């Protein structure tokens, strides 16, 4: 499955390169501070990369937050399981001592 994903990513990258090679027209890009003239393919690549990085930061932080929550809940679960096990053992001992008396 991993190989198929890699093949798909490489194919999409090659398609993007082919399309970028065909779009070499120069466009004027107005941003907040100034303006610049860029090749359309370069501008699209830069905007795509910035969007990818922003989404990686957002979803990476959400994933990290959820993983930390899972670890915390697993620790709580282990603690509760240990306390339940110790309580059940103490109850069994109490039952055994009452039965022997």
PDB file of N, CA and C in Angstrom:
ATOM      1  N   UNK A   1       0.830  -1.194   0.000  1.00  0.00           N
ATOM      2  CA  UNK A   1       0.000   0.000   0.000  1.00  0.00           C
ATOM      3  C   UNK A   1       0.874   1.257   0.000  1.00  0.00           C
ATOM      4  N   UNK A   2       1.967   1.201   0.744  1.00  0.00           N
ATOM      5  CA  UNK A   2       2.855   2.360   0.832  1.00  0.00           C
ATOM      6  C   UNK A   2       3.505   2.640  -0.520  1.00  0.00           C
ATOM      7  N   UNK A   3       3.845   1.603  -1.248  1.00  0.00           N
ATOM      8  CA  UNK A   3       4.469   1.770  -2.566  1.00  0.00           C
ATOM      9  C   UNK A   3       3.493   2.434  -3.528  1.00  0.00           C
ATOM     10  N   UNK A   4       2.233   2.061  -3.434  1.00  0.00           N
ATOM     11  CA  UNK A   4       1.220   2.668  -4.315  1.00  0.00           C
ATOM     12  C   UNK A   4       1.112   4.170  -4.028  1.00  0.00           C
ATOM     13  N   UNK A   5       1.134   4.539  -2.753  1.00  0.00           N
ATOM     14  CA  UNK A   5       1.065   5.962  -2.395  1.00  0.00           C
ATOM     15  C   UNK A   5       2.269   6.723  -2.950  1.00  0.00           C
ATOM     16  N   UNK A   6       3.437   6.119  -2.841  1.00  0.00           N
ATOM     17  CA  UNK A   6       4.654   6.772  -3.338  1.00  0.00           C
ATOM     18  C   UNK A   6       4.573   6.944  -4.855  1.00  0.00           C
ATOM     19  N   UNK A   7       4.088   5.926  -5.549  1.00  0.00           N
ATOM     20  CA  UNK A   7       3.957   5.998  -7.006  1.00  0.00           C
ATOM     21  C   UNK A   7       2.967   7.101  -7.393  1.00  0.00           C
ATOM     22  N   UNK A   8       1.871   7.206  -6.664  1.00  0.00           N
ATOM     23  CA  UNK A   8       0.874   8.247  -6.961  1.00  0.00           C
ATOM     24  C   UNK A   8       1.469   9.638  -6.730  1.00  0.00           C
ATOM     25  N   UNK A   9       2.208   9.825  -5.653  1.00  0.00           N
ATOM     26  CA  UNK A   9       2.814  11.133  -5.358  1.00  0.00           C
ATOM     27  C   UNK A   9       3.832  11.494  -6.433  1.00  0.00           C
ATOM     28  N   UNK A  10       4.648  10.543  -6.845  1.00  0.00           N
ATOM     29  CA  UNK A  10       5.650  10.808  -7.887  1.00  0.00           C
ATOM     30  C   UNK A  10       4.957  11.155  -9.204  1.00  0.00           C
ATOM     31  N   UNK A  11       3.894  10.425  -9.533  1.00  0.00           N
ATOM     32  CA  UNK A  11       3.153  10.706 -10.771  1.00  0.00           C
ATOM     33  C   UNK A  11       2.557  12.113 -10.738  1.00  0.00           C
ATOM     34  N   UNK A  12       1.960  12.495  -9.606  1.00  0.00           N
ATOM     35  CA  UNK A  12       1.399  13.847  -9.494  1.00  0.00           C
ATOM     36  C   UNK A  12       2.481  14.918  -9.584  1.00  0.00           C
ATOM     37  N   UNK A  13       3.635  14.641  -9.001  1.00  0.00           N
ATOM     38  CA  UNK A  13       4.746  15.582  -9.088  1.00  0.00           C
ATOM     39  C   UNK A  13       5.212  15.747 -10.527  1.00  0.00           C
ATOM     40  N   UNK A  14       5.301  14.642 -11.265  1.00  0.00           N
ATOM     41  CA  UNK A  14       5.715  14.717 -12.667  1.00  0.00           C
ATOM     42  C   UNK A  14       4.688  15.451 -13.518  1.00  0.00           C
ATOM     43  N   UNK A  15       3.413  15.243 -13.226  1.00  0.00           N
ATOM     44  CA  UNK A  15       2.361  15.975 -13.943  1.00  0.00           C
ATOM     45  C   UNK A  15       2.470  17.465 -13.642  1.00  0.00           C
ATOM     46  N   UNK A  16       2.718  17.805 -12.373  1.00  0.00           N
ATOM     47  CA  UNK A  16       2.871  19.219 -12.005  1.00  0.00           C
ATOM     48  C   UNK A  16       4.070  19.844 -12.709  1.00  0.00           C
ATOM     49  N   UNK A  17       5.163  19.095 -12.805  1.00  0.00           N
ATOM     50  CA  UNK A  17       6.326  19.611 -13.528  1.00  0.00           C
ATOM     51  C   UNK A  17       6.015  19.838 -15.004  1.00  0.00           C
ATOM     52  N   UNK A  18       5.301  18.910 -15.604  1.00  0.00           N
ATOM     53  CA  UNK A  18       4.945  19.057 -17.018  1.00  0.00           C
ATOM     54  C   UNK A  18       4.049  20.270 -17.234  1.00  0.00           C
ATOM     55  N   UNK A  19       3.070  20.444 -16.356  1.00  0.00           N
ATOM     56  CA  UNK A  19       2.187  21.609 -16.487  1.00  0.00           C
ATOM     57  C   UNK A  19       2.947  22.907 -16.208  1.00  0.00           C
ATOM     58  N   UNK A  20       3.848  22.868 -15.244  1.00  0.00           N
ATOM     59  CA  UNK A  20       4.641  24.055 -14.928  1.00  0.00           C
ATOM     60  C   UNK A  20       5.546  24.454 -16.071  1.00  0.00           C
ATOM     61  N   UNK A  21       6.064  23.485 -16.788  1.00  0.00           N
ATOM     62  CA  UNK A  21       6.933  23.794 -17.924  1.00  0.00           C
ATOM     63  C   UNK A  21       6.148  24.455 -19.055  1.00  0.00           C
ATOM     64  N   UNK A  22       4.853  24.173 -19.124  1.00  0.00           N
ATOM     65  CA  UNK A  22       4.019  24.767 -20.173  1.00  0.00           C
ATOM     66  C   UNK A  22       3.525  26.166 -19.804  1.00  0.00           C
ATOM     67  N   UNK A  23       3.531  26.506 -18.526  1.00  0.00           N
ATOM     68  CA  UNK A  23       3.020  27.802 -18.065  1.00  0.00           C
ATOM     69  C   UNK A  23       4.174  28.713 -17.666  1.00  0.00           C
ATOM     70  N   UNK A  24       4.863  29.242 -18.641  1.00  0.00           N
ATOM     71  CA  UNK A  24       6.006  30.113 -18.360  1.00  0.00           C
ATOM     72  C   UNK A  24       5.682  31.590 -18.559  1.00  0.00           C
ATOM     73  N   UNK A  25       4.411  31.917 -18.623  1.00  0.00           N
ATOM     74  CA  UNK A  25       4.070  33.330 -18.791  1.00  0.00           C
ATOM     75  C   UNK A  25       4.352  34.082 -17.489  1.00  0.00           C
ATOM     76  N   UNK A  26       4.713  35.336 -17.629  1.00  0.00           N
ATOM     77  CA  UNK A  26       5.043  36.180 -16.480  1.00  0.00           C
ATOM     78  C   UNK A  26       3.789  36.928 -16.058  1.00  0.00           C
ATOM     79  N   UNK A  27       3.512  36.876 -14.760  1.00  0.00           N
ATOM     80  CA  UNK A  27       2.343  37.570 -14.219  1.00  0.00           C
ATOM     81  C   UNK A  27       2.811  38.534 -13.135  1.00  0.00           C
ATOM     82  N   UNK A  28       2.033  39.590 -12.937  1.00  0.00           N
ATOM     83  CA  UNK A  28       2.319  40.549 -11.880  1.00  0.00           C
ATOM     84  C   UNK A  28       1.516  40.145 -10.653  1.00  0.00           C
ATOM     85  N   UNK A  29       2.207  40.002  -9.542  1.00  0.00           N
ATOM     86  CA  UNK A  29       1.566  39.590  -8.292  1.00  0.00           C
ATOM     87  C   UNK A  29       1.652  40.744  -7.302  1.00  0.00           C
ATOM     88  N   UNK A  30       0.490  41.250  -6.884  1.00  0.00           N
ATOM     89  CA  UNK A  30       0.423  42.344  -5.910  1.00  0.00           C
ATOM     90  C   UNK A  30       0.225  41.749  -4.528  1.00  0.00           C
ATOM     91  N   UNK A  31       1.184  41.927  -3.658  1.00  0.00           N
ATOM     92  CA  UNK A  31       1.021  41.522  -2.263  1.00  0.00           C
ATOM     93  C   UNK A  31       1.012  42.769  -1.411  1.00  0.00           C
ATOM     94  N   UNK A  32       0.842  42.629  -0.116  1.00  0.00           N
ATOM     95  CA  UNK A  32       0.553  43.778   0.749  1.00  0.00           C
ATOM     96  C   UNK A  32       1.597  44.887   0.666  1.00  0.00           C
ATOM     97  N   UNK A  33       2.857  44.537   0.664  1.00  0.00           N
ATOM     98  CA  UNK A  33       3.906  45.550   0.753  1.00  0.00           C
ATOM     99  C   UNK A  33       4.305  46.086  -0.620  1.00  0.00           C
ATOM    100  N   UNK A  34       4.397  45.212  -1.588  1.00  0.00           N
ATOM    101  CA  UNK A  34       4.879  45.630  -2.906  1.00  0.00           C
ATOM    102  C   UNK A  34       4.239  44.734  -3.964  1.00  0.00           C
ATOM    103  N   UNK A  35       4.854  44.732  -5.118  1.00  0.00           N
ATOM    104  CA  UNK A  35       4.403  43.842  -6.182  1.00  0.00           C
ATOM    105  C   UNK A  35       5.624  43.295  -6.896  1.00  0.00           C
ATOM    106  N   UNK A  36       5.418  42.162  -7.514  1.00  0.00           N
ATOM    107  CA  UNK A  36       6.529  41.544  -8.219  1.00  0.00           C
ATOM    108  C   UNK A  36       6.037  40.794  -9.437  1.00  0.00           C
ATOM    109  N   UNK A  37       6.954  40.543 -10.332  1.00  0.00           N
ATOM    110  CA  UNK A  37       6.622  39.767 -11.525  1.00  0.00           C
ATOM    111  C   UNK A  37       7.250  38.390 -11.393  1.00  0.00           C
ATOM    112  N   UNK A  38       6.421  37.374 -11.534  1.00  0.00           N
ATOM    113  CA  UNK A  38       6.853  35.994 -11.362  1.00  0.00           C
ATOM    114  C   UNK A  38       6.362  35.158 -12.530  1.00  0.00           C
ATOM    115  N   UNK A  39       7.056  34.054 -12.779  1.00  0.00           N
ATOM    116  CA  UNK A  39       6.527  33.066 -13.712  1.00  0.00           C
ATOM    117  C   UNK A  39       5.323  32.415 -13.046  1.00  0.00           C
ATOM    118  N   UNK A  40       4.304  32.160 -13.837  1.00  0.00           N
ATOM    119  CA  UNK A  40       3.074  31.596 -13.295  1.00  0.00           C
ATOM    120  C   UNK A  40       3.340  30.276 -12.586  1.00  0.00           C
ATOM    121  N   UNK A  41       4.178  29.430 -13.152  1.00  0.00           N
ATOM    122  CA  UNK A  41       4.462  28.131 -12.539  1.00  0.00           C
ATOM    123  C   UNK A  41       5.168  28.300 -11.197  1.00  0.00           C
ATOM    124  N   UNK A  42       6.105  29.253 -11.102  1.00  0.00           N
ATOM    125  CA  UNK A  42       6.805  29.493  -9.843  1.00  0.00           C
ATOM    126  C   UNK A  42       5.852  30.038  -8.791  1.00  0.00           C
ATOM    127  N   UNK A  43       4.984  30.953  -9.190  1.00  0.00           N
ATOM    128  CA  UNK A  43       4.023  31.526  -8.259  1.00  0.00           C
ATOM    129  C   UNK A  43       3.071  30.461  -7.731  1.00  0.00           C
ATOM    130  N   UNK A  44       2.581  29.600  -8.615  1.00  0.00           N
ATOM    131  CA  UNK A  44       1.701  28.516  -8.177  1.00  0.00           C
ATOM    132  C   UNK A  44       2.424  27.561  -7.241  1.00  0.00           C
ATOM    133  N   UNK A  45       3.678  27.263  -7.534  1.00  0.00           N
ATOM    134  CA  UNK A  45       4.460  26.387  -6.665  1.00  0.00           C
ATOM    135  C   UNK A  45       4.675  26.984  -5.288  1.00  0.00           C
ATOM    136  N   UNK A  46       4.975  28.277  -5.237  1.00  0.00           N
ATOM    137  CA  UNK A  46       5.205  28.958  -3.962  1.00  0.00           C
ATOM    138  C   UNK A  46       3.923  28.994  -3.133  1.00  0.00           C
ATOM    139  N   UNK A  47       2.811  29.334  -3.766  1.00  0.00           N
ATOM    140  CA  UNK A  47       1.532  29.399  -3.050  1.00  0.00           C
ATOM    141  C   UNK A  47       1.137  28.010  -2.557  1.00  0.00           C
ATOM    142  N   UNK A  48       1.350  26.988  -3.367  1.00  0.00           N
ATOM    143  CA  UNK A  48       1.046  25.622  -2.953  1.00  0.00           C
ATOM    144  C   UNK A  48       1.908  25.221  -1.757  1.00  0.00           C
ATOM    145  N   UNK A  49       3.183  25.530  -1.801  1.00  0.00           N
ATOM    146  CA  UNK A  49       4.092  25.166  -0.703  1.00  0.00           C
ATOM    147  C   UNK A  49       3.704  25.884   0.586  1.00  0.00           C
ATOM    148  N   UNK A  50       3.347  27.162   0.488  1.00  0.00           N
ATOM    149  CA  UNK A  50       2.932  27.906   1.678  1.00  0.00           C
ATOM    150  C   UNK A  50       1.648  27.312   2.251  1.00  0.00           C
ATOM    151  N   UNK A  51       0.705  26.987   1.403  1.00  0.00           N
ATOM    152  CA  UNK A  51      -0.537  26.362   1.863  1.00  0.00           C
ATOM    153  C   UNK A  51      -0.284  25.019   2.515  1.00  0.00           C
ATOM    154  N   UNK A  52       0.620  24.241   1.946  1.00  0.00           N
ATOM    155  CA  UNK A  52       0.968  22.942   2.520  1.00  0.00           C
ATOM    156  C   UNK A  52       1.587  23.111   3.896  1.00  0.00           C
ATOM    157  N   UNK A  53       2.494  24.064   4.043  1.00  0.00           N
ATOM    158  CA  UNK A  53       3.147  24.284   5.330  1.00  0.00           C
ATOM    159  C   UNK A  53       2.166  24.772   6.394  1.00  0.00           C
ATOM    160  N   UNK A  54       1.262  25.654   6.014  1.00  0.00           N
ATOM    161  CA  UNK A  54       0.267  26.148   6.966  1.00  0.00           C
ATOM    162  C   UNK A  54      -0.639  25.005   7.423  1.00  0.00           C
ATOM    163  N   UNK A  55      -1.102  24.198   6.478  1.00  0.00           N
ATOM    164  CA  UNK A  55      -1.959  23.075   6.855  1.00  0.00           C
ATOM    165  C   UNK A  55      -1.197  22.051   7.676  1.00  0.00           C
ATOM    166  N   UNK A  56       0.082  21.845   7.378  1.00  0.00           N
ATOM    167  CA  UNK A  56       0.910  20.921   8.158  1.00  0.00           C
ATOM    168  C   UNK A  56       1.051  21.412   9.598  1.00  0.00           C
ATOM    169  N   UNK A  57       1.249  22.705   9.779  1.00  0.00           N
ATOM    170  CA  UNK A  57       1.351  23.259  11.128  1.00  0.00           C
ATOM    171  C   UNK A  57       0.039  23.116  11.898  1.00  0.00           C
ATOM    172  N   UNK A  58      -1.066  23.426  11.252  1.00  0.00           N
ATOM    173  CA  UNK A  58      -2.361  23.362  11.923  1.00  0.00           C
ATOM    174  C   UNK A  58      -2.708  21.930  12.292  1.00  0.00           C
ATOM    175  N   UNK A  59      -2.683  21.030  11.308  1.00  0.00           N
ATOM    176  CA  UNK A  59      -3.090  19.658  11.585  1.00  0.00           C
ATOM    177  C   UNK A  59      -2.037  18.898  12.375  1.00  0.00           C
ATOM    178  N   UNK A  60      -0.777  19.288  12.255  1.00  0.00           N
ATOM    179  CA  UNK A  60       0.259  18.686  13.083  1.00  0.00           C
ATOM    180  C   UNK A  60       0.058  19.021  14.547  1.00  0.00           C
ATOM    181  N   UNK A  61      -0.287  20.271  14.821  1.00  0.00           N
ATOM    182  CA  UNK A  61      -0.528  20.657  16.213  1.00  0.00           C
ATOM    183  C   UNK A  61      -1.775  19.969  16.758  1.00  0.00           C
ATOM    184  N   UNK A  62      -2.821  19.841  15.940  1.00  0.00           N
ATOM    185  CA  UNK A  62      -4.022  19.127  16.385  1.00  0.00           C
ATOM    186  C   UNK A  62      -3.714  17.654  16.651  1.00  0.00           C
ATOM    187  N   UNK A  63      -2.903  17.051  15.797  1.00  0.00           N
ATOM    188  CA  UNK A  63      -2.536  15.645  15.982  1.00  0.00           C
ATOM    189  C   UNK A  63      -1.703  15.474  17.250  1.00  0.00           C
ATOM    190  N   UNK A  64      -0.762  16.382  17.469  1.00  0.00           N
ATOM    191  CA  UNK A  64       0.057  16.315  18.675  1.00  0.00           C
ATOM    192  C   UNK A  64      -0.804  16.456  19.920  1.00  0.00           C
ATOM    193  N   UNK A  65      -1.749  17.383  19.882  1.00  0.00           N
ATOM    194  CA  UNK A  65      -2.642  17.589  21.016  1.00  0.00           C
ATOM    195  C   UNK A  65      -3.462  16.338  21.296  1.00  0.00           C
ATOM    196  N   UNK A  66      -3.969  15.708  20.257  1.00  0.00           N
ATOM    197  CA  UNK A  66      -4.769  14.495  20.464  1.00  0.00           C
ATOM    198  C   UNK A  66      -3.906  13.340  20.966  1.00  0.00           C
ATOM    199  N   UNK A  67      -2.662  13.234  20.486  1.00  0.00           N
ATOM    200  CA  UNK A  67      -1.780  12.172  20.966  1.00  0.00           C
ATOM    201  C   UNK A  67      -1.430  12.370  22.442  1.00  0.00           C
ATOM    202  N   UNK A  68      -1.222  13.602  22.853  1.00  0.00           N
ATOM    203  CA  UNK A  68      -0.961  13.868  24.266  1.00  0.00           C
ATOM    204  C   UNK A  68      -2.166  13.510  25.125  1.00  0.00           C
ATOM    205  N   UNK A  69      -3.352  13.792  24.617  1.00  0.00           N
ATOM    206  CA  UNK A  69      -4.585  13.448  25.341  1.00  0.00           C
ATOM    207  C   UNK A  69      -4.731  11.931  25.458  1.00  0.00           C
ATOM    208  N   UNK A  70      -4.409  11.204  24.396  1.00  0.00           N
ATOM    209  CA  UNK A  70      -4.484   9.743  24.422  1.00  0.00           C
ATOM    210  C   UNK A  70      -3.508   9.183  25.448  1.00  0.00           C
ATOM    211  N   UNK A  71      -2.291   9.706  25.495  1.00  0.00           N
ATOM    212  CA  UNK A  71      -1.309   9.238  26.483  1.00  0.00           C
ATOM    213  C   UNK A  71      -1.786   9.490  27.907  1.00  0.00           C
ATOM    214  N   UNK A  72      -2.349  10.675  28.134  1.00  0.00           N
ATOM    215  CA  UNK A  72      -2.849  11.008  29.461  1.00  0.00           C
ATOM    216  C   UNK A  72      -3.972  10.065  29.863  1.00  0.00           C
ATOM    217  N   UNK A  73      -4.894   9.800  28.954  1.00  0.00           N
ATOM    218  CA  UNK A  73      -6.008   8.908  29.256  1.00  0.00           C
ATOM    219  C   UNK A  73      -5.528   7.469  29.450  1.00  0.00           C
ATOM    220  N   UNK A  74      -4.524   7.043  28.701  1.00  0.00           N
ATOM    221  CA  UNK A  74      -3.978   5.702  28.900  1.00  0.00           C
ATOM    222  C   UNK A  74      -3.335   5.570  30.279  1.00  0.00           C
ATOM    223  N   UNK A  75      -2.627   6.605  30.724  1.00  0.00           N
ATOM    224  CA  UNK A  75      -2.040   6.586  32.061  1.00  0.00           C
ATOM    225  C   UNK A  75      -3.132   6.493  33.122  1.00  0.00           C
ATOM    226  N   UNK A  76      -4.206   7.262  32.947  1.00  0.00           N
ATOM    227  CA  UNK A  76      -5.320   7.214  33.897  1.00  0.00           C
ATOM    228  C   UNK A  76      -5.958   5.830  33.897  1.00  0.00           C
ATOM    229  N   UNK A  77      -6.097   5.234  32.724  1.00  0.00           N
ATOM    230  CA  UNK A  77      -6.689   3.910  32.620  1.00  0.00           C
ATOM    231  C   UNK A  77      -5.833   2.858  33.321  1.00  0.00           C
ATOM    232  N   UNK A  78      -4.518   2.933  33.149  1.00  0.00           N
ATOM    233  CA  UNK A  78      -3.627   1.993  33.828  1.00  0.00           C
ATOM    234  C   UNK A  78      -3.729   2.150  35.344  1.00  0.00           C
ATOM    235  N   UNK A  79      -3.801   3.402  35.814  1.00  0.00           N
ATOM    236  CA  UNK A  79      -3.941   3.643  37.244  1.00  0.00           C
ATOM    237  C   UNK A  79      -5.241   3.052  37.768  1.00  0.00           C
ATOM    238  N   UNK A  80      -6.331   3.291  37.054  1.00  0.00           N
ATOM    239  CA  UNK A  80      -7.628   2.777  37.491  1.00  0.00           C
ATOM    240  C   UNK A  80      -7.668   1.258  37.443  1.00  0.00           C
ATOM    241  N   UNK A  81      -7.067   0.671  36.418  1.00  0.00           N
ATOM    242  CA  UNK A  81      -7.018  -0.796  36.341  1.00  0.00           C
ATOM    243  C   UNK A  81      -6.220  -1.371  37.502  1.00  0.00           C
ATOM    244  N   UNK A  82      -5.129  -0.715  37.854  1.00  0.00           N
ATOM    245  CA  UNK A  82      -4.319  -1.187  38.981  1.00  0.00           C
ATOM    246  C   UNK A  82      -5.097  -1.077  40.287  1.00  0.00           C
ATOM    247  N   UNK A  83      -5.806   0.030  40.467  1.00  0.00           N
ATOM    248  CA  UNK A  83      -6.571   0.188  41.708  1.00  0.00           C
ATOM    249  C   UNK A  83      -7.728  -0.804  41.770  1.00  0.00           C
ATOM    250  N   UNK A  84      -8.380  -1.081  40.658  1.00  0.00           N
ATOM    251  CA  UNK A  84      -9.456  -2.068  40.626  1.00  0.00           C
ATOM    252  C   UNK A  84      -8.901  -3.456  40.925  1.00  0.00           C
ATOM    253  N   UNK A  85      -7.758  -3.776  40.365  1.00  0.00           N
ATOM    254  CA  UNK A  85      -7.148  -5.083  40.603  1.00  0.00           C
ATOM    255  C   UNK A  85      -6.763  -5.232  42.069  1.00  0.00           C
ATOM    256  N   UNK A  86      -6.202  -4.195  42.667  1.00  0.00           N
ATOM    257  CA  UNK A  86      -5.813  -4.278  44.083  1.00  0.00           C
ATOM    258  C   UNK A  86      -7.052  -4.370  44.979  1.00  0.00           C
ATOM    259  N   UNK A  87      -8.116  -3.673  44.616  1.00  0.00           N
ATOM    260  CA  UNK A  87      -9.349  -3.754  45.400  1.00  0.00           C
ATOM    261  C   UNK A  87      -9.975  -5.132  45.299  1.00  0.00           C
ATOM    262  N   UNK A  88      -9.951  -5.718  44.122  1.00  0.00           N
ATOM    263  CA  UNK A  88     -10.534  -7.055  43.966  1.00  0.00           C
ATOM    264  C   UNK A  88      -9.704  -8.089  44.713  1.00  0.00           C
ATOM    265  N   UNK A  89      -8.381  -7.922  44.755  1.00  0.00           N
ATOM    266  CA  UNK A  89      -7.535  -8.843  45.509  1.00  0.00           C
ATOM    267  C   UNK A  89      -7.796  -8.709  47.005  1.00  0.00           C
ATOM    268  N   UNK A  90      -7.970  -7.477  47.478  1.00  0.00           N
ATOM    269  CA  UNK A  90      -8.246  -7.290  48.905  1.00  0.00           C
ATOM    270  C   UNK A  90      -9.608  -7.857  49.270  1.00  0.00           C
ATOM    271  N   UNK A  91     -10.591  -7.747  48.399  1.00  0.00           N
ATOM    272  CA  UNK A  91     -11.918  -8.323  48.648  1.00  0.00           C
ATOM    273  C   UNK A  91     -11.835  -9.848  48.694  1.00  0.00           C
ATOM    274  N   UNK A  92     -11.028 -10.436  47.784  1.00  0.00           N
ATOM    275  CA  UNK A  92     -10.870 -11.888  47.782  1.00  0.00           C
ATOM    276  C   UNK A  92     -10.225 -12.347  49.088  1.00  0.00           C
ATOM    277  N   UNK A  93      -9.242 -11.615  49.579  1.00  0.00           N
ATOM    278  CA  UNK A  93      -8.595 -11.979  50.833  1.00  0.00           C
ATOM    279  C   UNK A  93      -9.559 -11.879  51.987  1.00  0.00           C
ATOM    280  N   UNK A  94     -10.398 -10.836  51.979  1.00  0.00           N
ATOM    281  CA  UNK A  94     -11.406 -10.686  53.040  1.00  0.00           C
ATOM    282  C   UNK A  94     -12.402 -11.833  53.019  1.00  0.00           C
ATOM    283  N   UNK A  95     -12.810 -12.241  51.839  1.00  0.00           N
ATOM    284  CA  UNK A  95     -13.746 -13.362  51.711  1.00  0.00           C
ATOM    285  C   UNK A  95     -13.104 -14.643  52.199  1.00  0.00           C
ATOM    286  N   UNK A  96     -11.822 -14.858  51.875  1.00  0.00           N
ATOM    287  CA  UNK A  96     -11.111 -16.065  52.305  1.00  0.00           C
ATOM    288  C   UNK A  96     -10.930 -16.101  53.811  1.00  0.00           C
ATOM    289  N   UNK A  97     -10.625 -14.959  54.415  1.00  0.00           N
ATOM    290  CA  UNK A  97     -10.449 -14.943  55.868  1.00  0.00           C
ATOM    291  C   UNK A  97     -11.764 -15.160  56.587  1.00  0.00           C
ATOM    292  N   UNK A  98     -12.860 -14.625  56.061  1.00  0.00           N
ATOM    293  CA  UNK A  98     -14.191 -14.819  56.664  1.00  0.00           C
ATOM    294  C   UNK A  98     -14.617 -16.273  56.504  1.00  0.00           C
ATOM    295  N   UNK A  99     -14.281 -16.894  55.389  1.00  0.00           N
ATOM    296  CA  UNK A  99     -14.669 -18.287  55.156  1.00  0.00           C
ATOM    297  C   UNK A  99     -13.881 -19.222  56.063  1.00  0.00           C
ATOM    298  N   UNK A 100     -12.639 -18.916  56.383  1.00  0.00           N
ATOM    299  CA  UNK A 100     -11.822 -19.772  57.220  1.00  0.00           C
ATOM    300  C   UNK A 100     -12.162 -19.606  58.697  1.00  0.00           C
ATOM    301  N   UNK A 101     -12.780 -18.500  59.083  1.00  0.00           N
ATOM    302  CA  UNK A 101     -13.134 -18.258  60.491  1.00  0.00           C
ATOM    303  C   UNK A 101     -14.348 -18.960  60.866  1.00  0.00           C
TER     304      UNK A 101
END
